[in-house]
Amino acid sequence: MSQPKTWWLGLILLLVLWLLANWLETGAVERDLAGRAGAAIAATTALDSPRAEVAGRDVAVAGLTFSPERTAKAVAAAKATPGVRLASDATTAPPAAQPFVWSAKRDGAALVLSGTVPTPEARASILAAAKTAFPDVEIRDEATYATGAPGSFAAAAAYGLAQAVALSNGGVALSDAGYSIAGEAPTAAAYQAAMAATKALPAGVTLAKAEILPPELKPYVWSAANDGRTLTLGGAVPSEAARAELAGAAAAAFPGIRIVDGLQVARGAPAGDVLAAAKLGLAQLALLADGKAGLDDGRLSVSGSGKPGVTAAAIAAAIRSGLPQGFQLASVDVTPAIISPYTFSAEKSGGALTLSGYAPDDRTHQGILDAAQRLFFGETVKDQLALGAGAPEGFADAVLAGLGPLSRLAQGTLSLTGTDAKLSGQALYEKAVVDIQGAFAAALPGRYTADAWIAVKPPEPAVDAAACQDLFSTLLAKGTILFDTGKATISQESAGLLDNLVVVAQRCPEARIEISGHTDASGDAAANLDLSRKRAEAVVGYLETAGVAVVRLTAIGYGSARPIASNDTEEGRAQNRRIDFLVN
């Protein structure tokens, strides 16, 4: 007997079992197909994150694609998978990046790659370059894919990684074709190499920024050494700009000299204008025939052999006045230039005494000037002497021995070449010729040879007594007849003045001349009176020996009775100690 309700329940149960079996079988088939198709797609390496999305026996190829050719390759691999009825394209392309940026930076012990890369091949190439440059560093690749990379991208990234490894905390970045690098160079050589590398970038790459710090140097030193043929620059400068400026200053200060630039850029310069201090050192070094200039932190030193006329004192003064704030003079050690043959010249002409040639040191130089001022009472002394080493023994004595006779000439020249001394010119009167020649030869040191050629100046026209008095007064206003202290012995330094007084006396042959001696008020009055008389007599004796008729001359001593200044001061007492000429 039929039971419909029971029959329908069985039919429903059977349908459920059939559907379940069919679903289970289809799921297994799809999973199998997805696995095999996905493996086939992955084997092509055409996509990033490839996968197969299966519906029945139909496969949709998904993942990140980088070109139509890569997509077609992946779809073809899926379609060729046994069991696949239909393969379709479900891939996506990377987004466009504008600008296209990428960077590699140190993060503690790791190197982090970030930004964008265009393809898996580019990523693999960059990773390989990173591992080669940083073999012992963890590489963290956080870059994503994007389109828009310039053709030089991979080469530029690999180049930057190779350069960044030489820098402490180094990093490199790309923005389109712009290349940037930053970090601290551990050595001067590394800094120079890194800076040079920014000028040799791969084709198509331009430098956007280079923030490469040079190494820090302590102590901070700079030097310049000149051997007369080559100027060698060494040590540190704070920047490439400073390096170029200093090299230019060296070329200007040393024209014609080969310059070897061994400068290195470094940090750690002392506070202040280190470039100005170095330029000052170069300027002073240029005054030397050879030598060195150097900075040690903020201390400047100069040493070497001076050119003629250059002294350590002058260089030290120039450095002290020219050093920038914060710097100081360390030392100056200058050897005077060796002069051969050693020469000196003194020319008396036209109211001036011109000194030229060389003196061996500042002390001798000043001694010559002092003697010239004392001896040449009526002339302006023009000092053109330079300092130079190599003076023969007795040089200073020979110069002083020659200046005295020269002072007695109306005009003339004293010259020394080595140990040869020559005196030439015109004596003021005839009887002075032999005296001057003899005095010149006798005063020279033993090693020196004397050669004197003295003529006589033509006599001046005669004048009346009033004019004669004016001439005497003019001469005595310019100079004073000097005596040994407390004695009536005329100083040799007064011979030039006395010879000029002789000439004046000869120009008024009919006039009578009173020569009076005067002292200051110091000491015993009677002794002063006697001394003043004896000094006046000594002057009369000089004039008589020179050819002035003694009958025209009268010597009188007044002691301290006729002062012309106060005896309360040394200056006044010096004025009171005098010889006066009175024409009658």
Protein backbone atom coordinates (compact mmCIF):
# COMPACT_ATOMS: atom_id res chain seq x y z
CA MET A 1 0.00 0.00 0.00
CA SER A 2 1.48 3.36 -1.03
CA GLN A 3 2.58 5.96 1.61
CA PRO A 4 3.30 9.32 -0.27
CA LYS A 5 4.57 11.22 2.74
CA THR A 6 7.30 8.72 3.44
CA TRP A 7 8.24 8.58 -0.19
CA TRP A 8 8.73 12.34 -0.45
CA LEU A 9 10.90 12.49 2.64
CA GLY A 10 13.18 9.88 1.17
CA LEU A 11 13.40 11.72 -2.10
CA ILE A 12 14.38 14.98 -0.34
CA LEU A 13 17.03 13.18 1.70
CA LEU A 14 18.41 11.63 -1.45
CA LEU A 15 18.57 15.05 -3.15
CA VAL A 16 20.41 16.54 -0.19
CA LEU A 17 22.93 13.73 -0.20
CA TRP A 18 23.44 14.16 -3.94
CA LEU A 19 23.96 17.94 -3.60
CA LEU A 20 26.36 17.46 -0.73
CA ALA A 21 28.38 14.92 -2.65
CA ASN A 22 28.41 17.15 -5.71
CA TRP A 23 29.53 20.18 -3.63
CA LEU A 24 32.21 18.24 -1.92
CA GLU A 25 33.49 16.92 -5.21
CA THR A 26 33.35 20.39 -6.88
CA GLY A 27 35.17 22.08 -3.95
CA ALA A 28 37.91 19.53 -4.11
CA VAL A 29 38.19 20.01 -7.85
CA GLU A 30 38.33 23.80 -7.53
CA ARG A 31 40.92 23.65 -4.77
CA ASP A 32 42.99 21.27 -6.82
CA LEU A 33 42.61 23.43 -9.88
CA ALA A 34 43.41 26.62 -7.92
CA GLY A 35 46.55 25.05 -6.52
CA ARG A 36 47.81 23.78 -9.83
CA ALA A 37 46.88 26.93 -11.76
CA GLY A 38 48.34 29.17 -9.06
CA ALA A 39 51.61 27.24 -9.17
CA ALA A 40 51.70 27.55 -12.92
CA ILE A 41 51.09 31.27 -12.71
CA ALA A 42 53.77 31.71 -10.00
CA ALA A 43 56.27 29.75 -12.06
CA THR A 44 56.11 32.37 -14.76
CA THR A 45 57.32 35.06 -12.23
CA ALA A 46 55.27 37.44 -14.30
CA LEU A 47 53.16 38.79 -11.43
CA ASP A 48 53.69 40.00 -7.91
CA SER A 49 51.52 38.15 -5.32
CA PRO A 50 49.99 35.92 -8.03
CA ARG A 51 46.93 33.80 -7.33
CA ALA A 52 44.28 31.82 -9.20
CA GLU A 53 40.62 32.51 -8.40
CA VAL A 54 38.63 29.40 -9.53
CA ALA A 55 34.93 29.05 -10.23
CA GLY A 56 34.25 25.51 -11.35
CA ARG A 57 36.82 24.94 -14.02
CA ASP A 58 37.13 28.63 -14.89
CA VAL A 59 40.23 30.50 -13.56
CA ALA A 60 40.61 34.25 -13.05
CA VAL A 61 44.31 35.22 -12.90
CA ALA A 62 44.85 37.80 -10.11
CA GLY A 63 47.91 39.70 -8.80
CA LEU A 64 50.00 42.76 -9.56
CA THR A 65 51.09 42.95 -13.16
CA PHE A 66 53.76 45.15 -14.69
CA SER A 67 52.98 44.88 -18.40
CA PRO A 68 50.46 43.38 -20.84
CA GLU A 69 53.08 40.87 -21.86
CA ARG A 70 53.44 39.68 -18.28
CA THR A 71 49.65 39.45 -17.94
CA ALA A 72 49.36 37.43 -21.12
CA LYS A 73 52.12 35.10 -19.94
CA ALA A 74 50.36 34.47 -16.63
CA VAL A 75 46.96 33.94 -18.25
CA ALA A 76 48.49 31.53 -20.76
CA ALA A 77 50.06 29.52 -17.96
CA ALA A 78 46.73 29.29 -16.16
CA LYS A 79 44.88 28.29 -19.32
CA ALA A 80 47.46 25.56 -20.03
CA THR A 81 46.81 23.98 -16.64
CA PRO A 82 45.02 20.62 -17.13
CA GLY A 83 41.38 20.82 -16.11
CA VAL A 84 41.05 24.57 -16.73
CA ARG A 85 38.22 25.32 -19.13
CA LEU A 86 38.63 29.13 -19.31
CA ALA A 87 41.31 31.57 -18.01
CA SER A 88 40.60 35.28 -17.66
CA ASP A 89 42.56 38.42 -16.61
CA ALA A 90 41.79 39.75 -13.14
CA THR A 91 45.19 41.42 -12.54
CA THR A 92 45.77 44.98 -11.40
CA ALA A 93 48.58 47.37 -12.32
CA PRO A 94 50.71 49.31 -9.73
CA PRO A 95 49.61 52.87 -9.11
CA ALA A 96 51.47 55.73 -10.76
CA ALA A 97 53.95 57.61 -8.54
CA GLN A 98 54.70 61.25 -9.22
CA PRO A 99 57.43 61.92 -8.28
CA PHE A 100 58.94 58.47 -8.24
CA VAL A 101 60.82 58.29 -4.96
CA TRP A 102 63.01 55.71 -3.27
CA SER A 103 65.46 55.80 -0.37
CA ALA A 104 67.87 53.69 1.64
CA LYS A 105 68.62 54.80 5.18
CA ARG A 106 70.30 53.34 8.24
CA ASP A 107 67.95 52.63 11.13
CA GLY A 108 70.09 51.39 13.96
CA ALA A 109 71.58 48.07 12.87
CA ALA A 110 69.32 47.77 9.82
CA LEU A 111 69.25 49.30 6.37
CA VAL A 112 65.70 50.24 5.44
CA LEU A 113 64.69 50.42 1.78
CA SER A 114 61.53 52.43 1.30
CA GLY A 115 59.62 54.32 -1.33
CA THR A 116 58.70 52.72 -4.66
CA VAL A 117 60.24 50.31 -7.16
CA PRO A 118 58.94 49.70 -10.69
CA THR A 119 59.36 45.92 -11.14
CA PRO A 120 60.36 42.75 -9.29
CA GLU A 121 63.56 42.69 -11.32
CA ALA A 122 64.40 46.20 -10.18
CA ARG A 123 63.62 45.19 -6.58
CA ALA A 124 65.83 42.12 -6.86
CA SER A 125 68.65 44.16 -8.39
CA ILE A 126 68.46 46.75 -5.60
CA LEU A 127 68.36 44.07 -2.90
CA ALA A 128 71.41 42.40 -4.39
CA ALA A 129 73.23 45.74 -4.48
CA ALA A 130 72.24 46.46 -0.85
CA LYS A 131 73.51 43.08 0.35
CA THR A 132 76.77 43.57 -1.54
CA ALA A 133 77.29 47.06 -0.10
CA PHE A 134 76.12 46.14 3.42
CA PRO A 135 76.97 42.42 3.79
CA ASP A 136 76.72 42.39 7.59
CA VAL A 137 73.65 44.59 7.92
CA GLU A 138 70.01 43.52 8.13
CA ILE A 139 68.18 44.68 5.00
CA ARG A 140 64.53 45.62 5.47
CA ASP A 141 62.77 46.08 2.14
CA GLU A 142 59.66 48.19 2.73
CA ALA A 143 59.38 49.53 -0.80
CA THR A 144 56.13 49.22 -2.74
CA TYR A 145 55.49 48.99 -6.46
CA ALA A 146 54.56 51.95 -8.58
CA THR A 147 54.88 53.06 -12.16
CA GLY A 148 56.68 56.14 -13.43
CA ALA A 149 60.31 55.22 -12.71
CA PRO A 150 62.90 56.86 -14.97
CA GLY A 151 65.02 54.53 -17.04
CA SER A 152 68.06 55.23 -14.84
CA PHE A 153 66.30 54.18 -11.62
CA ALA A 154 67.89 50.79 -10.89
CA ALA A 155 71.41 51.91 -11.84
CA ALA A 156 71.07 55.07 -9.75
CA ALA A 157 69.84 53.14 -6.71
CA ALA A 158 72.69 50.61 -6.94
CA TYR A 159 75.20 53.46 -7.40
CA GLY A 160 73.85 55.29 -4.35
CA LEU A 161 74.06 52.17 -2.17
CA ALA A 162 77.69 51.66 -3.17
CA GLN A 163 78.49 55.26 -2.17
CA ALA A 164 76.46 55.35 1.05
CA VAL A 165 78.32 52.38 2.55
CA ALA A 166 81.46 54.56 2.89
CA LEU A 167 79.62 57.08 5.08
CA SER A 168 78.74 56.88 8.76
CA ASN A 169 74.93 57.00 9.09
CA GLY A 170 74.86 57.26 5.34
CA GLY A 171 71.72 57.39 3.26
CA VAL A 172 70.76 57.83 -0.36
CA ALA A 173 67.52 58.91 -2.01
CA LEU A 174 66.06 59.25 -5.50
CA SER A 175 63.29 61.53 -6.66
CA ASP A 176 62.67 60.85 -10.32
CA ALA A 177 66.14 61.42 -11.82
CA GLY A 178 67.33 63.54 -8.86
CA TYR A 179 70.00 61.94 -6.68
CA SER A 180 70.65 62.87 -3.03
CA ILE A 181 73.22 61.49 -0.60
CA ALA A 182 73.89 62.31 3.04
CA GLY A 183 76.15 61.08 5.81
CA GLU A 184 79.43 61.67 7.59
CA ALA A 185 82.72 60.71 5.98
CA PRO A 186 85.00 58.94 8.50
CA THR A 187 88.20 60.11 6.81
CA ALA A 188 89.36 62.89 4.54
CA ALA A 189 89.96 60.36 1.78
CA ALA A 190 86.42 59.03 2.15
CA TYR A 191 85.05 62.57 1.99
CA GLN A 192 86.94 63.40 -1.16
CA ALA A 193 85.88 60.13 -2.76
CA ALA A 194 82.23 60.71 -1.83
CA MET A 195 82.28 64.25 -3.18
CA ALA A 196 83.98 63.09 -6.36
CA ALA A 197 81.31 60.42 -6.77
CA THR A 198 78.59 63.09 -6.85
CA LYS A 199 80.26 64.42 -9.99
CA ALA A 200 80.31 61.03 -11.75
CA LEU A 201 76.67 59.94 -11.56
CA PRO A 202 75.16 57.34 -13.90
CA ALA A 203 73.79 58.54 -17.21
CA GLY A 204 70.45 60.29 -16.90
CA VAL A 205 70.90 61.06 -13.19
CA THR A 206 71.32 64.57 -11.81
CA LEU A 207 72.56 65.66 -8.39
CA ALA A 208 69.79 67.10 -6.24
CA LYS A 209 71.57 67.38 -2.90
CA ALA A 210 74.83 66.26 -1.29
CA GLU A 211 74.92 66.65 2.47
CA ILE A 212 78.18 64.88 3.16
CA LEU A 213 79.90 65.95 6.37
CA PRO A 214 83.70 65.89 6.34
CA PRO A 215 85.55 64.20 9.21
CA GLU A 216 86.27 66.12 12.41
CA LEU A 217 89.93 66.96 12.99
CA LYS A 218 91.56 67.68 16.33
CA PRO A 219 93.91 69.46 16.54
CA TYR A 220 92.85 71.45 13.49
CA VAL A 221 96.00 72.08 11.49
CA TRP A 222 96.86 73.84 8.23
CA SER A 223 100.25 74.37 6.63
CA ALA A 224 102.02 75.92 3.64
CA ALA A 225 105.63 75.10 2.78
CA ASN A 226 107.70 76.92 0.13
CA ASP A 227 111.09 75.62 -1.00
CA GLY A 228 111.56 78.34 -3.59
CA ARG A 229 110.22 76.19 -6.42
CA THR A 230 107.06 74.57 -5.06
CA LEU A 231 104.42 75.71 -2.59
CA THR A 232 102.79 72.75 -0.87
CA LEU A 233 99.48 73.29 0.90
CA GLY A 234 98.49 70.74 3.51
CA GLY A 235 96.22 70.21 6.46
CA ALA A 236 92.55 71.09 6.71
CA VAL A 237 90.10 73.70 5.47
CA PRO A 238 86.43 73.93 6.51
CA SER A 239 84.86 73.60 3.04
CA GLU A 240 85.50 73.07 -0.64
CA ALA A 241 84.75 76.76 -1.19
CA ALA A 242 87.41 77.69 1.37
CA ARG A 243 89.80 75.30 -0.31
CA ALA A 244 89.29 76.95 -3.69
CA GLU A 245 89.62 80.45 -2.21
CA LEU A 246 92.83 79.57 -0.38
CA ALA A 247 94.31 77.98 -3.49
CA GLY A 248 93.53 81.20 -5.36
CA ALA A 249 95.18 83.28 -2.65
CA ALA A 250 98.27 81.04 -2.84
CA ALA A 251 98.50 81.47 -6.61
CA ALA A 252 98.27 85.26 -6.24
CA ALA A 253 100.88 85.41 -3.45
CA PHE A 254 103.32 83.07 -5.22
CA PRO A 255 103.21 83.88 -8.95
CA GLY A 256 105.29 81.53 -11.05
CA ILE A 257 105.60 78.97 -8.25
CA ARG A 258 104.17 75.48 -8.73
CA ILE A 259 101.41 74.88 -6.20
CA VAL A 260 100.67 71.42 -4.84
CA ASP A 261 97.23 71.31 -3.23
CA GLY A 262 97.19 68.71 -0.48
CA LEU A 263 94.37 70.37 1.46
CA GLN A 264 91.62 68.27 3.00
CA VAL A 265 88.16 69.37 4.02
CA ALA A 266 87.47 68.72 7.70
CA ARG A 267 85.30 69.91 10.54
CA GLY A 268 86.64 71.13 13.88
CA ALA A 269 88.08 74.49 12.82
CA PRO A 270 88.62 76.92 15.71
CA ALA A 271 86.05 79.63 16.19
CA GLY A 272 86.70 82.63 13.98
CA ASP A 273 87.81 83.28 10.44
CA VAL A 274 90.28 80.43 9.88
CA LEU A 275 90.47 81.28 6.17
CA ALA A 276 91.60 84.85 6.92
CA ALA A 277 94.24 83.51 9.33
CA ALA A 278 95.56 81.11 6.69
CA LYS A 279 95.68 83.89 4.07
CA LEU A 280 97.67 86.03 6.50
CA GLY A 281 100.11 83.15 6.93
CA LEU A 282 100.48 82.88 3.15
CA ALA A 283 101.11 86.63 2.82
CA GLN A 284 103.91 86.51 5.39
CA LEU A 285 105.38 83.33 3.91
CA ALA A 286 105.58 85.11 0.56
CA LEU A 287 108.06 87.54 2.15
CA LEU A 288 110.51 84.71 2.75
CA ALA A 289 112.87 83.08 0.29
CA ASP A 290 111.72 79.75 1.67
CA GLY A 291 109.95 78.57 4.77
CA LYS A 292 106.73 77.42 6.35
CA ALA A 293 103.53 78.90 7.73
CA GLY A 294 101.13 76.89 9.83
CA LEU A 295 98.02 76.97 11.97
CA ASP A 296 97.61 74.67 14.94
CA ASP A 297 94.04 75.28 16.06
CA GLY A 298 94.09 79.06 16.60
CA ARG A 299 97.88 79.59 16.72
CA LEU A 300 99.80 80.85 13.67
CA SER A 301 103.54 80.32 13.22
CA VAL A 302 105.95 81.37 10.45
CA SER A 303 109.55 80.31 9.91
CA GLY A 304 112.15 80.33 7.16
CA SER A 305 114.80 82.39 5.40
CA GLY A 306 113.92 86.01 4.83
CA LYS A 307 114.29 87.91 1.63
CA PRO A 308 116.46 91.04 1.85
CA GLY A 309 114.88 93.56 4.17
CA VAL A 310 112.55 91.10 5.87
CA THR A 311 112.78 90.80 9.64
CA ALA A 312 111.16 88.55 12.18
CA ALA A 313 109.98 91.63 14.06
CA ALA A 314 108.21 93.03 11.01
CA ILE A 315 106.49 89.73 10.29
CA ALA A 316 105.44 89.33 13.92
CA ALA A 317 104.02 92.87 13.94
CA ALA A 318 102.08 92.21 10.73
CA ILE A 319 100.65 88.99 12.15
CA ARG A 320 99.63 90.58 15.44
CA SER A 321 97.88 93.43 13.69
CA GLY A 322 96.22 91.25 11.04
CA LEU A 323 95.09 88.13 12.87
CA PRO A 324 91.31 87.72 13.10
CA GLN A 325 89.68 87.63 16.50
CA GLY A 326 90.22 84.40 18.39
CA PHE A 327 93.61 83.67 16.81
CA GLN A 328 97.06 84.39 18.20
CA LEU A 329 100.70 84.40 17.16
CA ALA A 330 102.57 81.24 18.13
CA SER A 331 106.09 81.97 16.85
CA VAL A 332 108.14 83.69 14.17
CA ASP A 333 111.58 82.34 13.35
CA VAL A 334 113.16 84.11 10.39
CA THR A 335 116.80 83.86 9.32
CA PRO A 336 117.94 86.97 7.40
CA ALA A 337 118.79 86.45 3.75
CA ILE A 338 122.44 85.74 2.92
CA ILE A 339 123.75 88.62 0.80
CA SER A 340 126.82 88.17 -1.36
CA PRO A 341 128.59 90.36 -2.04
CA TYR A 342 127.55 92.36 1.01
CA THR A 343 127.02 96.00 0.08
CA PHE A 344 126.37 99.32 1.80
CA SER A 345 126.14 102.83 0.43
CA ALA A 346 125.74 106.31 1.93
CA GLU A 347 125.34 109.23 -0.47
CA LYS A 348 125.45 112.84 0.70
CA SER A 349 123.88 115.14 -1.88
CA GLY A 350 121.31 117.90 -2.16
CA GLY A 351 120.73 118.31 1.57
CA ALA A 352 120.04 114.62 2.13
CA LEU A 353 121.96 111.55 3.22
CA THR A 354 120.62 108.41 1.51
CA LEU A 355 121.47 105.06 3.07
CA SER A 356 121.06 101.93 0.96
CA GLY A 357 122.27 98.36 0.88
CA TYR A 358 122.12 96.06 3.90
CA ALA A 359 122.50 95.81 7.65
CA PRO A 360 122.85 92.44 9.39
CA ASP A 361 120.35 93.02 12.18
CA ASP A 362 118.02 95.56 13.75
CA ARG A 363 120.59 96.65 16.33
CA THR A 364 123.24 97.45 13.74
CA HIS A 365 120.63 99.14 11.55
CA GLN A 366 119.56 101.41 14.38
CA GLY A 367 123.18 102.15 15.30
CA ILE A 368 123.88 103.34 11.76
CA LEU A 369 120.80 105.56 11.80
CA ASP A 370 121.75 107.07 15.16
CA ALA A 371 125.28 107.81 13.95
CA ALA A 372 123.95 109.40 10.77
CA GLN A 373 121.64 111.65 12.75
CA ARG A 374 124.53 112.81 14.95
CA LEU A 375 127.12 113.27 12.21
CA PHE A 376 125.04 114.83 9.44
CA PHE A 377 123.58 117.81 11.22
CA GLY A 378 122.33 119.59 8.09
CA GLU A 379 121.02 116.67 6.04
CA THR A 380 117.76 114.73 6.00
CA VAL A 381 118.53 111.06 6.52
CA LYS A 382 116.74 108.77 4.04
CA ASP A 383 116.80 105.20 5.25
CA GLN A 384 116.63 102.64 2.44
CA LEU A 385 118.61 99.92 4.23
CA ALA A 386 117.38 96.35 4.17
CA LEU A 387 118.29 93.55 6.55
CA GLY A 388 120.43 90.75 5.22
CA ALA A 389 122.79 88.16 6.63
CA GLY A 390 126.33 87.62 5.40
CA ALA A 391 127.98 90.84 6.59
CA PRO A 392 131.78 90.50 6.85
CA GLU A 393 133.37 90.78 10.27
CA GLY A 394 133.71 94.37 11.41
CA PHE A 395 130.98 95.60 9.05
CA ALA A 396 129.34 97.96 11.58
CA ASP A 397 132.70 99.47 12.58
CA ALA A 398 133.62 99.98 8.93
CA VAL A 399 130.34 101.82 8.23
CA LEU A 400 130.80 104.10 11.23
CA ALA A 401 134.44 104.69 10.28
CA GLY A 402 133.35 105.84 6.83
CA LEU A 403 130.40 107.99 7.88
CA GLY A 404 132.60 110.37 9.87
CA PRO A 405 134.84 111.33 6.91
CA LEU A 406 131.78 111.46 4.61
CA SER A 407 130.15 113.99 6.95
CA ARG A 408 133.08 116.36 6.28
CA LEU A 409 132.46 116.40 2.52
CA ALA A 410 130.32 118.94 0.75
CA GLN A 411 128.94 116.01 -1.21
CA GLY A 412 130.14 112.47 -1.68
CA THR A 413 129.60 108.75 -1.42
CA LEU A 414 130.74 106.03 0.95
CA SER A 415 130.42 102.49 -0.40
CA LEU A 416 131.32 99.09 1.02
CA THR A 417 131.45 95.94 -1.05
CA GLY A 418 132.55 93.09 1.13
CA THR A 419 135.71 94.42 2.80
CA ASP A 420 136.45 97.01 0.12
CA ALA A 421 135.64 100.54 1.32
CA LYS A 422 135.56 103.52 -1.01
CA LEU A 423 135.07 107.21 -0.26
CA SER A 424 134.70 109.84 -2.95
CA GLY A 425 133.45 113.39 -3.16
CA GLN A 426 134.41 117.02 -2.57
CA ALA A 427 136.05 118.40 0.55
CA LEU A 428 134.93 121.81 1.74
CA TYR A 429 138.47 123.25 1.65
CA GLU A 430 141.89 122.18 0.44
CA LYS A 431 143.58 121.34 3.75
CA ALA A 432 140.76 118.92 4.64
CA VAL A 433 141.57 116.54 1.77
CA VAL A 434 144.62 114.87 3.27
CA ASP A 435 143.08 114.86 6.74
CA ILE A 436 139.89 113.15 5.51
CA GLN A 437 141.79 110.56 3.48
CA GLY A 438 144.04 109.74 6.41
CA ALA A 439 141.20 109.60 8.91
CA PHE A 440 139.24 107.27 6.62
CA ALA A 441 142.11 104.80 6.21
CA ALA A 442 143.03 104.90 9.90
CA ALA A 443 139.51 104.33 11.19
CA LEU A 444 138.70 101.23 9.10
CA PRO A 445 139.04 97.80 10.75
CA GLY A 446 142.19 95.89 9.82
CA ARG A 447 140.62 93.55 7.24
CA TYR A 448 139.22 96.43 5.19
CA THR A 449 140.99 98.20 2.34
CA ALA A 450 140.52 101.95 1.90
CA ASP A 451 140.20 103.75 -1.41
CA ALA A 452 139.58 107.48 -1.13
CA TRP A 453 139.34 109.95 -3.98
CA ILE A 454 138.69 113.46 -2.69
CA ALA A 455 138.55 116.65 -4.72
CA VAL A 456 138.01 120.18 -3.42
CA LYS A 457 134.77 122.02 -3.81
CA PRO A 458 135.13 125.36 -5.63
CA PRO A 459 135.20 128.22 -3.11
CA GLU A 460 132.06 130.16 -2.35
CA PRO A 461 132.00 133.94 -3.05
CA ALA A 462 133.07 136.28 -0.26
CA VAL A 463 130.43 137.92 1.94
CA ASP A 464 130.40 140.88 4.31
CA ALA A 465 130.52 140.60 8.08
CA ALA A 466 126.74 140.71 8.54
CA ALA A 467 126.17 137.87 6.06
CA CYS A 468 129.03 135.97 7.65
CA GLN A 469 127.34 136.25 11.04
CA ASP A 470 124.06 134.97 9.58
CA LEU A 471 125.84 131.98 8.09
CA PHE A 472 127.50 131.13 11.42
CA SER A 473 124.19 131.45 13.26
CA THR A 474 122.40 129.23 10.75
CA LEU A 475 125.00 126.46 11.08
CA LEU A 476 125.06 126.58 14.89
CA ALA A 477 121.26 126.48 14.99
CA LYS A 478 121.42 123.16 13.15
CA GLY A 479 124.25 121.56 15.10
CA THR A 480 126.31 121.85 18.27
CA ILE A 481 130.07 121.49 18.63
CA LEU A 482 130.51 118.59 21.01
CA PHE A 483 133.32 117.83 23.45
CA ASP A 484 134.30 114.88 25.56
CA THR A 485 132.57 115.10 28.94
CA GLY A 486 134.37 117.49 31.27
CA LYS A 487 137.16 118.05 28.74
CA ALA A 488 138.15 120.45 25.99
CA THR A 489 138.72 117.66 23.49
CA ILE A 490 136.50 118.15 20.43
CA SER A 491 134.41 115.09 19.55
CA GLN A 492 135.10 113.54 16.14
CA GLU A 493 131.35 113.75 15.52
CA SER A 494 131.66 117.54 15.24
CA ALA A 495 134.23 117.51 12.41
CA GLY A 496 131.58 118.00 9.73
CA LEU A 497 130.09 121.01 11.49
CA LEU A 498 133.52 122.51 12.14
CA ASP A 499 134.53 122.14 8.47
CA ASN A 500 131.42 124.08 7.47
CA LEU A 501 132.31 126.75 10.02
CA VAL A 502 135.80 126.91 8.49
CA VAL A 503 134.29 127.60 5.07
CA VAL A 504 132.14 130.42 6.45
CA ALA A 505 135.18 131.98 8.18
CA GLN A 506 137.07 131.83 4.86
CA ARG A 507 134.26 133.69 3.08
CA CYS A 508 134.73 136.82 5.21
CA PRO A 509 138.54 137.07 5.26
CA GLU A 510 138.64 140.59 6.67
CA ALA A 511 136.30 140.02 9.58
CA ARG A 512 137.45 139.29 13.12
CA ILE A 513 135.66 136.46 14.88
CA GLU A 514 135.14 136.00 18.60
CA ILE A 515 134.68 132.35 19.56
CA SER A 516 133.14 132.07 23.00
CA GLY A 517 132.71 129.03 25.19
CA HIS A 518 129.79 128.55 27.60
CA THR A 519 128.86 125.94 30.23
CA ASP A 520 125.85 125.17 32.35
CA ALA A 521 125.73 126.11 36.04
CA SER A 522 126.59 122.65 37.35
CA GLY A 523 129.77 122.31 39.37
CA ASP A 524 132.39 124.85 40.38
CA ALA A 525 132.04 128.24 38.68
CA ALA A 526 135.81 128.80 38.35
CA ALA A 527 136.31 125.37 36.84
CA ASN A 528 133.46 126.01 34.42
CA LEU A 529 135.00 129.31 33.39
CA ASP A 530 138.35 127.65 32.73
CA LEU A 531 136.71 124.79 30.80
CA SER A 532 134.69 127.17 28.62
CA ARG A 533 137.86 129.09 27.72
CA LYS A 534 139.81 125.95 26.85
CA ARG A 535 136.96 124.70 24.66
CA ALA A 536 136.86 128.01 22.79
CA GLU A 537 140.64 127.77 22.32
CA ALA A 538 140.25 124.22 20.96
CA VAL A 539 137.84 125.50 18.31
CA VAL A 540 140.24 128.31 17.42
CA GLY A 541 142.97 125.71 17.07
CA TYR A 542 140.82 123.66 14.66
CA LEU A 543 140.10 126.71 12.49
CA GLU A 544 143.77 127.73 12.51
CA THR A 545 144.84 124.25 11.38
CA ALA A 546 142.26 124.44 8.60
CA GLY A 547 143.86 127.65 7.29
CA VAL A 548 141.98 130.48 9.01
CA ALA A 549 144.42 133.19 10.13
CA VAL A 550 144.76 133.01 13.88
CA VAL A 551 145.04 136.83 14.14
CA ARG A 552 141.39 137.01 13.13
CA LEU A 553 140.30 134.71 15.91
CA THR A 554 139.74 135.40 19.61
CA ALA A 555 138.89 132.74 22.20
CA ILE A 556 136.91 133.77 25.28
CA GLY A 557 135.37 131.70 28.04
CA TYR A 558 132.26 132.88 29.86
CA GLY A 559 131.58 129.83 32.00
CA SER A 560 127.94 129.80 33.07
CA ALA A 561 127.56 133.58 33.10
CA ARG A 562 125.53 133.85 29.89
CA PRO A 563 122.83 131.12 29.89
CA ILE A 564 120.29 130.97 27.06
CA ALA A 565 118.00 128.51 28.84
CA SER A 566 117.10 127.45 32.35
CA ASN A 567 119.71 125.44 34.23
CA ASP A 568 116.92 123.67 36.12
CA THR A 569 116.36 121.10 33.38
CA GLU A 570 118.69 118.78 31.50
CA GLU A 571 117.41 120.15 28.22
CA GLY A 572 118.17 123.71 29.32
CA ARG A 573 121.61 122.78 30.61
CA ALA A 574 122.40 121.10 27.27
CA GLN A 575 121.52 124.32 25.43
CA ASN A 576 123.75 126.33 27.74
CA ARG A 577 126.77 124.11 26.97
CA ARG A 578 127.72 125.69 23.64
CA ILE A 579 130.21 127.51 21.43
CA ASP A 580 129.13 130.83 19.91
CA PHE A 581 130.64 132.73 16.97
CA LEU A 582 130.48 136.55 16.98
CA VAL A 583 131.65 138.43 13.87
CA ASN A 584 133.13 141.91 14.52
